[in-house]
Amino acid sequence: MDLGPWEIAIIAVVILVLFGSAKLPQAARSLGRSMRIFKSETKGLIGDDDEKQNTSQDARSEAARLRAEAARLEAQAGPQELKAPADDAVREGVPVRQTEHGK
């Protein structure tokens, strides 16, 4: 799509007719502000994508570090036998009191 000098002149005349000579500077100023806002928002979106990638990578490395730490602590503690509190009481000869729920 190549714009020649005649096409540009026709577009300029149409813009002049639509806005009028009094409102043309105000319209140009408004267009400039809009373009500036659009560019700054676009740059902000591009920066957000980079930040999100860094955050997700940090989260992955933190999760891997925590998994390794949990595995190390588990190996250090060794196997443990899980006991119910009532088992200890029965072995020691302590009578276990019956509760309302156990009637």
Protein backbone atom coordinates (compact mmCIF):
# COMPACT_ATOMS: atom_id res chain seq x y z
CA MET A 1 0.00 0.00 0.00
CA ASP A 2 1.93 2.94 -1.33
CA LEU A 3 0.57 6.44 -0.71
CA GLY A 4 1.47 8.95 -3.36
CA PRO A 5 1.41 12.75 -3.02
CA TRP A 6 -2.12 13.02 -4.45
CA GLU A 7 -3.55 10.52 -1.96
CA ILE A 8 -1.91 12.36 0.94
CA ALA A 9 -3.30 15.69 -0.33
CA ILE A 10 -6.82 14.24 -0.59
CA ILE A 11 -6.59 12.81 2.94
CA ALA A 12 -5.40 16.21 4.25
CA VAL A 13 -8.32 18.01 2.56
CA VAL A 14 -10.83 15.50 3.98
CA ILE A 15 -9.39 15.95 7.49
CA LEU A 16 -9.53 19.75 7.10
CA VAL A 17 -13.16 19.59 5.99
CA LEU A 18 -14.14 17.22 8.81
CA PHE A 19 -12.47 19.09 11.67
CA GLY A 20 -12.31 22.65 10.35
CA SER A 21 -9.34 24.96 10.65
CA ALA A 22 -10.25 26.04 14.20
CA LYS A 23 -10.40 22.52 15.66
CA LEU A 24 -7.49 21.06 13.68
CA PRO A 25 -4.72 22.04 16.19
CA GLN A 26 -6.80 20.68 19.08
CA ALA A 27 -7.43 17.42 17.19
CA ALA A 28 -3.71 17.06 16.39
CA ARG A 29 -2.83 17.67 20.05
CA SER A 30 -5.38 15.09 21.16
CA LEU A 31 -4.06 12.56 18.64
CA GLY A 32 -0.49 13.15 19.87
CA ARG A 33 -1.51 12.57 23.50
CA SER A 34 -3.37 9.41 22.56
CA MET A 35 -0.36 8.05 20.68
CA ARG A 36 1.93 8.83 23.63
CA ILE A 37 -0.39 7.00 26.05
CA PHE A 38 -0.68 4.06 23.66
CA LYS A 39 3.11 3.76 23.34
CA SER A 40 3.67 3.92 27.10
CA GLU A 41 1.01 1.26 27.74
CA THR A 42 2.53 -0.97 25.07
CA LYS A 43 5.97 -0.66 26.67
CA GLY A 44 4.41 -1.45 30.06
CA LEU A 45 2.82 -4.62 28.69
CA ILE A 46 6.12 -5.77 27.20
CA GLY A 47 7.85 -5.16 30.55
CA ASP A 48 5.13 -7.11 32.39
CA ASP A 49 5.74 -10.20 30.25
CA ASP A 50 9.44 -10.22 31.12
CA GLU A 51 8.62 -9.78 34.80
CA LYS A 52 6.12 -12.66 34.75
CA GLN A 53 8.69 -14.99 33.15
CA ASN A 54 11.24 -14.13 35.83
CA THR A 55 8.68 -14.64 38.59
CA SER A 56 7.61 -18.05 37.32
CA GLN A 57 11.23 -19.15 36.95
CA ASP A 58 11.97 -17.97 40.51
CA ALA A 59 8.98 -19.94 41.78
CA ARG A 60 10.14 -23.09 40.00
CA SER A 61 13.66 -22.84 41.43
CA GLU A 62 12.26 -22.16 44.91
CA ALA A 63 9.97 -25.21 44.65
CA ALA A 64 12.89 -27.40 43.56
CA ARG A 65 14.99 -26.11 46.45
CA LEU A 66 12.20 -26.85 48.95
CA ARG A 67 11.69 -30.37 47.57
CA ALA A 68 15.41 -31.07 47.92
CA GLU A 69 15.39 -29.71 51.48
CA ALA A 70 12.37 -31.86 52.40
CA ALA A 71 14.03 -34.97 50.96
CA ARG A 72 17.23 -34.22 52.89
CA LEU A 73 15.34 -33.76 56.17
CA GLU A 74 13.32 -36.92 55.57
CA ALA A 75 16.47 -38.94 54.92
CA GLN A 76 18.10 -37.44 58.01
CA ALA A 77 15.18 -38.37 60.28
CA GLY A 78 15.05 -41.96 59.07
CA PRO A 79 12.01 -44.21 59.15
CA GLN A 80 9.65 -43.56 62.02
CA GLU A 81 6.83 -45.70 63.33
CA LEU A 82 3.50 -43.97 63.70
CA LYS A 83 1.69 -44.82 66.91
CA ALA A 84 -1.77 -44.08 68.15
CA PRO A 85 -1.94 -42.44 71.61
CA ALA A 86 -4.11 -45.30 72.92
CA ASP A 87 -1.37 -47.84 72.10
CA ASP A 88 0.97 -46.18 74.60
CA ALA A 89 -1.70 -46.15 77.28
CA VAL A 90 -2.48 -49.86 76.84
CA ARG A 91 1.20 -50.84 77.04
CA GLU A 92 1.77 -48.80 80.17
CA GLY A 93 -1.34 -50.16 81.91
CA VAL A 94 -3.09 -46.81 82.12
CA PRO A 95 -6.85 -47.27 81.99
CA VAL A 96 -8.44 -45.52 79.04
CA ARG A 97 -11.53 -43.59 79.99
CA GLN A 98 -14.58 -44.02 77.85
CA THR A 99 -16.09 -40.83 76.43
CA GLU A 100 -19.64 -39.98 75.44
CA HIS A 101 -18.93 -40.90 71.86
CA GLY A 102 -17.60 -44.29 72.81
CA LYS A 103 -20.71 -45.49 74.73
